[in-house]
Amino acid sequence: MRREDAALRHDLEEAVWSIVAATFGEEKEPSEARTSMRDDVLVDNHGVVYLGSGIASNEAALSMVINSAAAWSALVVVRDVWDKDPGLASLRSVLAFNSADVAVVHPAVVDPLKRRLVDVYHRNTQQAFTRAAHDVELVSFLRRQGKYRVHVAKDASEFARLASGEDAAPAHQSTNSVLMVAPTAFAKNIQAAQDNFFMLQQEEGGDSAQQLQRTVLREYSALHQ
């Protein structure tokens, strides 16, 4: 990670945290509570602010951040709706940005009963935040951004190593998305059929060109789903 990126992330996180702390008076809270709430503030390497909302979150602080007049133009609120595991109560316990282009996700949140949902807030012309999207599954949201290579850790130990920067995220051989093109002009290769035994066999007792194309399109539709 570049030093400038780390500095930007630190400054933004401190700005968000100052608002969170001001909501209830940081000095009045036990140190454990301050730590847990700080762990719900996360900034990626593109300057996007992520806030966790779960069983250990301070909802008043969260609302104040959303309605604040701070400099950031967008907020991503990651909500823990079903998971009540105290070991995964904070945002940092399930999400980390390992480098400028890698988002690391704890494997537990892939479980449908422990998944996190995302709400996105954008600042409008009146400088107030309005909700632009809601209830988007976390991993799907990260992949749709096109900014990150999303790596779901194989276990809690790998997540901890990647989140701390001890290890680099392994290279992936696949992309986050696949472009599929419908075979609307699918047809037999006439040149190849002249000396291809299997294509000749199909021609003698097989489907018509129209039937074959319908079959191919049905297979494509099933794969696309």
C-alpha atoms as a PDB file:
ATOM      1  CA  MET A   1       0.000   0.000   0.000  1.00  0.00           C
ATOM      2  CA  ARG A   2       1.340   3.433  -0.917  1.00  0.00           C
ATOM      3  CA  ARG A   3       2.166   5.774   1.968  1.00  0.00           C
ATOM      4  CA  GLU A   4      -0.141   8.481   0.521  1.00  0.00           C
ATOM      5  CA  ASP A   5      -3.058   6.025   0.423  1.00  0.00           C
ATOM      6  CA  ALA A   6      -2.485   5.012   4.032  1.00  0.00           C
ATOM      7  CA  ALA A   7      -2.323   8.669   5.101  1.00  0.00           C
ATOM      8  CA  LEU A   8      -5.594   9.485   3.300  1.00  0.00           C
ATOM      9  CA  ARG A   9      -7.337   6.532   4.883  1.00  0.00           C
ATOM     10  CA  HIS A  10      -6.071   7.496   8.335  1.00  0.00           C
ATOM     11  CA  ASP A  11      -7.188  11.136   8.006  1.00  0.00           C
ATOM     12  CA  LEU A  12     -10.672  10.198   6.795  1.00  0.00           C
ATOM     13  CA  GLU A  13     -11.123   7.584   9.502  1.00  0.00           C
ATOM     14  CA  GLU A  14     -10.075  10.101  12.156  1.00  0.00           C
ATOM     15  CA  ALA A  15     -12.572  12.652  10.762  1.00  0.00           C
ATOM     16  CA  VAL A  16     -15.421  10.146  10.924  1.00  0.00           C
ATOM     17  CA  TRP A  17     -14.361   8.962  14.352  1.00  0.00           C
ATOM     18  CA  SER A  18     -14.331  12.520  15.705  1.00  0.00           C
ATOM     19  CA  ILE A  19     -18.017  12.827  14.808  1.00  0.00           C
ATOM     20  CA  VAL A  20     -18.820   9.435  16.332  1.00  0.00           C
ATOM     21  CA  ALA A  21     -16.997  10.340  19.544  1.00  0.00           C
ATOM     22  CA  ALA A  22     -18.667  13.757  19.753  1.00  0.00           C
ATOM     23  CA  THR A  23     -22.115  12.167  19.683  1.00  0.00           C
ATOM     24  CA  PHE A  24     -21.893  10.668  23.164  1.00  0.00           C
ATOM     25  CA  GLY A  25     -18.684  12.061  24.617  1.00  0.00           C
ATOM     26  CA  GLU A  26     -15.735   9.762  24.054  1.00  0.00           C
ATOM     27  CA  GLU A  27     -14.192  10.433  27.436  1.00  0.00           C
ATOM     28  CA  LYS A  28     -17.333   9.134  29.220  1.00  0.00           C
ATOM     29  CA  GLU A  29     -17.310   5.747  27.532  1.00  0.00           C
ATOM     30  CA  PRO A  30     -15.282   2.690  28.643  1.00  0.00           C
ATOM     31  CA  SER A  31     -12.220   2.049  26.518  1.00  0.00           C
ATOM     32  CA  GLU A  32     -13.708  -1.241  25.223  1.00  0.00           C
ATOM     33  CA  ALA A  33     -16.754   0.596  23.870  1.00  0.00           C
ATOM     34  CA  ARG A  34     -14.578   3.228  22.188  1.00  0.00           C
ATOM     35  CA  THR A  35     -12.521   0.500  20.541  1.00  0.00           C
ATOM     36  CA  SER A  36     -15.566  -1.383  19.263  1.00  0.00           C
ATOM     37  CA  MET A  37     -17.114   1.759  17.787  1.00  0.00           C
ATOM     38  CA  ARG A  38     -13.845   2.777  16.151  1.00  0.00           C
ATOM     39  CA  ASP A  39     -13.788  -0.668  14.562  1.00  0.00           C
ATOM     40  CA  ASP A  40     -17.029   0.200  12.763  1.00  0.00           C
ATOM     41  CA  VAL A  41     -15.282   2.969  10.795  1.00  0.00           C
ATOM     42  CA  LEU A  42     -13.394   1.885   7.675  1.00  0.00           C
ATOM     43  CA  VAL A  43     -12.103   3.840   4.667  1.00  0.00           C
ATOM     44  CA  ASP A  44     -10.980   2.196   1.451  1.00  0.00           C
ATOM     45  CA  ASN A  45      -8.080   3.306  -0.732  1.00  0.00           C
ATOM     46  CA  HIS A  46     -10.419   5.360  -2.932  1.00  0.00           C
ATOM     47  CA  GLY A  47     -11.596   7.545  -0.046  1.00  0.00           C
ATOM     48  CA  VAL A  48     -14.998   5.866   0.339  1.00  0.00           C
ATOM     49  CA  VAL A  49     -16.222   5.787   3.944  1.00  0.00           C
ATOM     50  CA  TYR A  50     -17.711   2.520   5.217  1.00  0.00           C
ATOM     51  CA  LEU A  51     -19.658   2.413   8.490  1.00  0.00           C
ATOM     52  CA  GLY A  52     -20.703  -0.749  10.291  1.00  0.00           C
ATOM     53  CA  SER A  53     -24.123  -1.089  11.867  1.00  0.00           C
ATOM     54  CA  GLY A  54     -24.454  -4.137  14.111  1.00  0.00           C
ATOM     55  CA  ILE A  55     -24.998  -5.402  17.628  1.00  0.00           C
ATOM     56  CA  ALA A  56     -22.121  -3.314  19.023  1.00  0.00           C
ATOM     57  CA  SER A  57     -22.863  -0.114  17.094  1.00  0.00           C
ATOM     58  CA  ASN A  58     -24.022   3.196  18.488  1.00  0.00           C
ATOM     59  CA  GLU A  59     -27.058   4.071  16.353  1.00  0.00           C
ATOM     60  CA  ALA A  60     -27.105   7.705  17.447  1.00  0.00           C
ATOM     61  CA  ALA A  61     -23.506   8.116  16.309  1.00  0.00           C
ATOM     62  CA  LEU A  62     -24.297   6.444  12.994  1.00  0.00           C
ATOM     63  CA  SER A  63     -27.212   8.807  12.350  1.00  0.00           C
ATOM     64  CA  MET A  64     -25.078  11.814  13.208  1.00  0.00           C
ATOM     65  CA  VAL A  65     -22.387  10.784  10.739  1.00  0.00           C
ATOM     66  CA  ILE A  66     -24.976  10.297   7.978  1.00  0.00           C
ATOM     67  CA  ASN A  67     -26.415  13.761   8.638  1.00  0.00           C
ATOM     68  CA  SER A  68     -23.102  15.536   9.239  1.00  0.00           C
ATOM     69  CA  ALA A  69     -21.640  18.318   7.113  1.00  0.00           C
ATOM     70  CA  ALA A  70     -18.265  16.646   6.741  1.00  0.00           C
ATOM     71  CA  ALA A  71     -16.302  16.634   3.498  1.00  0.00           C
ATOM     72  CA  TRP A  72     -17.036  13.156   2.164  1.00  0.00           C
ATOM     73  CA  SER A  73     -19.601  12.866  -0.639  1.00  0.00           C
ATOM     74  CA  ALA A  74     -20.731   9.271  -0.137  1.00  0.00           C
ATOM     75  CA  LEU A  75     -21.193   6.803   2.705  1.00  0.00           C
ATOM     76  CA  VAL A  76     -21.582   3.036   2.616  1.00  0.00           C
ATOM     77  CA  VAL A  77     -23.403   1.609   5.635  1.00  0.00           C
ATOM     78  CA  VAL A  78     -22.826  -2.136   6.105  1.00  0.00           C
ATOM     79  CA  ARG A  79     -25.635  -3.600   8.196  1.00  0.00           C
ATOM     80  CA  ASP A  80     -25.460  -6.774  10.244  1.00  0.00           C
ATOM     81  CA  VAL A  81     -29.080  -7.911  10.071  1.00  0.00           C
ATOM     82  CA  TRP A  82     -29.071 -11.529  11.270  1.00  0.00           C
ATOM     83  CA  ASP A  83     -25.631 -12.450  12.603  1.00  0.00           C
ATOM     84  CA  LYS A  84     -25.367 -12.046  16.374  1.00  0.00           C
ATOM     85  CA  ASP A  85     -21.869 -13.483  16.765  1.00  0.00           C
ATOM     86  CA  PRO A  86     -20.004 -11.112  19.141  1.00  0.00           C
ATOM     87  CA  GLY A  87     -16.728 -12.147  17.501  1.00  0.00           C
ATOM     88  CA  LEU A  88     -17.960 -10.649  14.215  1.00  0.00           C
ATOM     89  CA  ALA A  89     -19.742  -7.656  15.693  1.00  0.00           C
ATOM     90  CA  SER A  90     -17.675  -4.900  14.059  1.00  0.00           C
ATOM     91  CA  LEU A  91     -17.135  -3.967  10.426  1.00  0.00           C
ATOM     92  CA  ARG A  92     -13.380  -4.523  10.658  1.00  0.00           C
ATOM     93  CA  SER A  93     -13.985  -8.090  11.816  1.00  0.00           C
ATOM     94  CA  VAL A  94     -15.547  -8.973   8.443  1.00  0.00           C
ATOM     95  CA  LEU A  95     -14.086  -6.525   5.895  1.00  0.00           C
ATOM     96  CA  ALA A  96     -10.593  -5.212   5.131  1.00  0.00           C
ATOM     97  CA  PHE A  97      -8.832  -3.482   2.265  1.00  0.00           C
ATOM     98  CA  ASN A  98      -5.568  -5.342   1.837  1.00  0.00           C
ATOM     99  CA  SER A  99      -4.192  -3.008  -0.842  1.00  0.00           C
ATOM    100  CA  ALA A 100      -5.344  -0.360  -3.304  1.00  0.00           C
ATOM    101  CA  ASP A 101      -7.408  -2.846  -5.285  1.00  0.00           C
ATOM    102  CA  VAL A 102      -8.138  -5.824  -3.015  1.00  0.00           C
ATOM    103  CA  ALA A 103     -11.128  -6.122  -0.685  1.00  0.00           C
ATOM    104  CA  VAL A 104     -10.918  -9.057   1.733  1.00  0.00           C
ATOM    105  CA  VAL A 105     -14.132 -10.504   3.170  1.00  0.00           C
ATOM    106  CA  HIS A 106     -14.522 -12.856   6.117  1.00  0.00           C
ATOM    107  CA  PRO A 107     -15.881 -16.243   4.963  1.00  0.00           C
ATOM    108  CA  ALA A 108     -18.669 -16.201   7.564  1.00  0.00           C
ATOM    109  CA  VAL A 109     -20.596 -13.439   5.779  1.00  0.00           C
ATOM    110  CA  VAL A 110     -21.056 -15.614   2.696  1.00  0.00           C
ATOM    111  CA  ASP A 111     -23.461 -17.680   4.809  1.00  0.00           C
ATOM    112  CA  PRO A 112     -27.008 -16.441   3.971  1.00  0.00           C
ATOM    113  CA  LEU A 113     -27.816 -16.260   7.685  1.00  0.00           C
ATOM    114  CA  LYS A 114     -24.764 -14.107   8.431  1.00  0.00           C
ATOM    115  CA  ARG A 115     -24.550 -11.942   5.340  1.00  0.00           C
ATOM    116  CA  ARG A 116     -24.195  -8.161   5.524  1.00  0.00           C
ATOM    117  CA  LEU A 117     -26.448  -5.799   3.590  1.00  0.00           C
ATOM    118  CA  VAL A 118     -25.284  -2.458   2.223  1.00  0.00           C
ATOM    119  CA  ASP A 119     -27.053   0.920   2.120  1.00  0.00           C
ATOM    120  CA  VAL A 120     -25.423   3.670   0.053  1.00  0.00           C
ATOM    121  CA  TYR A 121     -25.873   7.366   0.844  1.00  0.00           C
ATOM    122  CA  HIS A 122     -24.950  10.207  -1.547  1.00  0.00           C
ATOM    123  CA  ARG A 123     -24.845  13.896  -0.693  1.00  0.00           C
ATOM    124  CA  ASN A 124     -27.490  15.921  -2.551  1.00  0.00           C
ATOM    125  CA  THR A 125     -27.465  19.551  -3.657  1.00  0.00           C
ATOM    126  CA  GLN A 126     -28.694  20.624  -0.200  1.00  0.00           C
ATOM    127  CA  GLN A 127     -25.602  18.954   1.311  1.00  0.00           C
ATOM    128  CA  ALA A 128     -27.706  16.309   3.053  1.00  0.00           C
ATOM    129  CA  PHE A 129     -27.247  12.584   2.592  1.00  0.00           C
ATOM    130  CA  THR A 130     -30.004  10.680   0.834  1.00  0.00           C
ATOM    131  CA  ARG A 131     -30.158   6.932   0.392  1.00  0.00           C
ATOM    132  CA  ALA A 132     -29.222   5.941  -3.162  1.00  0.00           C
ATOM    133  CA  ALA A 133     -29.341   2.134  -2.749  1.00  0.00           C
ATOM    134  CA  HIS A 134     -30.330  -0.287  -0.022  1.00  0.00           C
ATOM    135  CA  ASP A 135     -30.225  -3.948   0.971  1.00  0.00           C
ATOM    136  CA  VAL A 136     -27.436  -4.917  -1.444  1.00  0.00           C
ATOM    137  CA  GLU A 137     -25.462  -8.001  -0.414  1.00  0.00           C
ATOM    138  CA  LEU A 138     -21.936  -6.934   0.615  1.00  0.00           C
ATOM    139  CA  VAL A 139     -19.854  -9.145  -1.689  1.00  0.00           C
ATOM    140  CA  SER A 140     -22.090  -8.325  -4.671  1.00  0.00           C
ATOM    141  CA  PHE A 141     -21.801  -4.619  -3.872  1.00  0.00           C
ATOM    142  CA  LEU A 142     -18.004  -4.702  -3.741  1.00  0.00           C
ATOM    143  CA  ARG A 143     -17.771  -6.566  -7.030  1.00  0.00           C
ATOM    144  CA  ARG A 144     -20.153  -4.179  -8.780  1.00  0.00           C
ATOM    145  CA  GLN A 145     -17.975  -1.193  -7.864  1.00  0.00           C
ATOM    146  CA  GLY A 146     -15.306  -2.288 -10.330  1.00  0.00           C
ATOM    147  CA  LYS A 147     -12.648  -0.868  -7.987  1.00  0.00           C
ATOM    148  CA  TYR A 148     -11.629  -3.998  -6.150  1.00  0.00           C
ATOM    149  CA  ARG A 149     -10.617  -7.569  -6.659  1.00  0.00           C
ATOM    150  CA  VAL A 150     -12.788  -9.238  -4.044  1.00  0.00           C
ATOM    151  CA  HIS A 151     -11.216 -12.097  -2.105  1.00  0.00           C
ATOM    152  CA  VAL A 152     -13.346 -14.172   0.255  1.00  0.00           C
ATOM    153  CA  ALA A 153     -10.908 -15.650   2.786  1.00  0.00           C
ATOM    154  CA  LYS A 154     -10.969 -19.430   3.102  1.00  0.00           C
ATOM    155  CA  ASP A 155     -11.065 -19.248   6.909  1.00  0.00           C
ATOM    156  CA  ALA A 156     -10.814 -16.847   9.855  1.00  0.00           C
ATOM    157  CA  SER A 157      -7.047 -17.305  10.100  1.00  0.00           C
ATOM    158  CA  GLU A 158      -6.457 -16.257   6.497  1.00  0.00           C
ATOM    159  CA  PHE A 159      -8.756 -13.259   6.935  1.00  0.00           C
ATOM    160  CA  ALA A 160      -6.770 -12.112   9.982  1.00  0.00           C
ATOM    161  CA  ARG A 161      -3.455 -12.361   8.104  1.00  0.00           C
ATOM    162  CA  LEU A 162      -4.772 -10.498   5.063  1.00  0.00           C
ATOM    163  CA  ALA A 163      -6.539  -7.834   7.126  1.00  0.00           C
ATOM    164  CA  SER A 164      -3.373  -7.087   9.068  1.00  0.00           C
ATOM    165  CA  GLY A 165      -1.289  -6.874   5.895  1.00  0.00           C
ATOM    166  CA  GLU A 166       0.845  -9.784   7.036  1.00  0.00           C
ATOM    167  CA  ASP A 167       0.040 -11.610   3.787  1.00  0.00           C
ATOM    168  CA  ALA A 168      -0.847 -10.339   0.329  1.00  0.00           C
ATOM    169  CA  ALA A 169      -4.100 -11.520  -1.208  1.00  0.00           C
ATOM    170  CA  PRO A 170      -3.514 -14.471  -3.550  1.00  0.00           C
ATOM    171  CA  ALA A 171      -3.835 -13.828  -7.255  1.00  0.00           C
ATOM    172  CA  HIS A 172      -7.108 -14.893  -8.817  1.00  0.00           C
ATOM    173  CA  GLN A 173      -7.398 -16.677 -12.138  1.00  0.00           C
ATOM    174  CA  SER A 174     -10.934 -15.425 -12.691  1.00  0.00           C
ATOM    175  CA  THR A 175     -12.633 -12.061 -12.949  1.00  0.00           C
ATOM    176  CA  ASN A 176     -15.399 -10.632 -10.779  1.00  0.00           C
ATOM    177  CA  SER A 177     -17.841 -10.824 -13.686  1.00  0.00           C
ATOM    178  CA  VAL A 178     -18.382 -12.612 -16.987  1.00  0.00           C
ATOM    179  CA  LEU A 179     -19.861 -11.135 -20.167  1.00  0.00           C
ATOM    180  CA  MET A 180     -22.296 -13.534 -21.816  1.00  0.00           C
ATOM    181  CA  VAL A 181     -23.513 -13.044 -25.402  1.00  0.00           C
ATOM    182  CA  ALA A 182     -26.683 -14.819 -26.525  1.00  0.00           C
ATOM    183  CA  PRO A 183     -26.047 -17.194 -29.493  1.00  0.00           C
ATOM    184  CA  THR A 184     -28.823 -15.663 -31.596  1.00  0.00           C
ATOM    185  CA  ALA A 185     -27.068 -16.533 -34.884  1.00  0.00           C
ATOM    186  CA  PHE A 186     -25.990 -20.040 -33.941  1.00  0.00           C
ATOM    187  CA  ALA A 187     -25.719 -22.291 -37.030  1.00  0.00           C
ATOM    188  CA  LYS A 188     -23.850 -25.244 -38.447  1.00  0.00           C
ATOM    189  CA  ASN A 189     -20.407 -24.629 -39.920  1.00  0.00           C
ATOM    190  CA  ILE A 190     -21.001 -25.790 -43.491  1.00  0.00           C
ATOM    191  CA  GLN A 191     -17.310 -25.990 -44.382  1.00  0.00           C
ATOM    192  CA  ALA A 192     -16.486 -28.107 -41.339  1.00  0.00           C
ATOM    193  CA  ALA A 193     -19.488 -30.382 -41.930  1.00  0.00           C
ATOM    194  CA  GLN A 194     -18.152 -31.535 -45.309  1.00  0.00           C
ATOM    195  CA  ASP A 195     -15.636 -33.915 -43.732  1.00  0.00           C
ATOM    196  CA  ASN A 196     -16.796 -34.167 -40.097  1.00  0.00           C
ATOM    197  CA  PHE A 197     -18.377 -37.552 -39.374  1.00  0.00           C
ATOM    198  CA  PHE A 198     -20.270 -36.394 -36.270  1.00  0.00           C
ATOM    199  CA  MET A 199     -21.767 -33.340 -37.967  1.00  0.00           C
ATOM    200  CA  LEU A 200     -22.891 -35.497 -40.890  1.00  0.00           C
ATOM    201  CA  GLN A 201     -24.549 -37.960 -38.500  1.00  0.00           C
ATOM    202  CA  GLN A 202     -26.418 -35.096 -36.836  1.00  0.00           C
ATOM    203  CA  GLU A 203     -27.536 -33.782 -40.232  1.00  0.00           C
ATOM    204  CA  GLU A 204     -29.048 -37.143 -41.199  1.00  0.00           C
ATOM    205  CA  GLY A 205     -31.166 -37.634 -38.086  1.00  0.00           C
ATOM    206  CA  GLY A 206     -30.903 -34.400 -36.111  1.00  0.00           C
ATOM    207  CA  ASP A 207     -32.914 -31.256 -35.534  1.00  0.00           C
ATOM    208  CA  SER A 208     -33.647 -28.664 -38.145  1.00  0.00           C
ATOM    209  CA  ALA A 209     -31.686 -25.398 -38.074  1.00  0.00           C
ATOM    210  CA  GLN A 210     -34.599 -23.646 -36.351  1.00  0.00           C
ATOM    211  CA  GLN A 211     -34.997 -26.402 -33.755  1.00  0.00           C
ATOM    212  CA  LEU A 212     -31.271 -26.430 -33.077  1.00  0.00           C
ATOM    213  CA  GLN A 213     -31.206 -22.676 -32.521  1.00  0.00           C
ATOM    214  CA  ARG A 214     -34.141 -22.872 -30.107  1.00  0.00           C
ATOM    215  CA  THR A 215     -32.364 -25.632 -28.179  1.00  0.00           C
ATOM    216  CA  VAL A 216     -29.164 -23.586 -27.948  1.00  0.00           C
ATOM    217  CA  LEU A 217     -31.012 -20.475 -26.760  1.00  0.00           C
ATOM    218  CA  ARG A 218     -32.833 -22.466 -24.075  1.00  0.00           C
ATOM    219  CA  GLU A 219     -29.488 -23.808 -22.838  1.00  0.00           C
ATOM    220  CA  TYR A 220     -28.073 -20.289 -22.815  1.00  0.00           C
ATOM    221  CA  SER A 221     -31.045 -18.941 -20.837  1.00  0.00           C
ATOM    222  CA  ALA A 222     -30.679 -21.682 -18.235  1.00  0.00           C
ATOM    223  CA  LEU A 223     -26.952 -20.955 -17.875  1.00  0.00           C
ATOM    224  CA  HIS A 224     -27.552 -17.201 -17.576  1.00  0.00           C
ATOM    225  CA  GLN A 225     -29.949 -17.709 -14.669  1.00  0.00           C
END
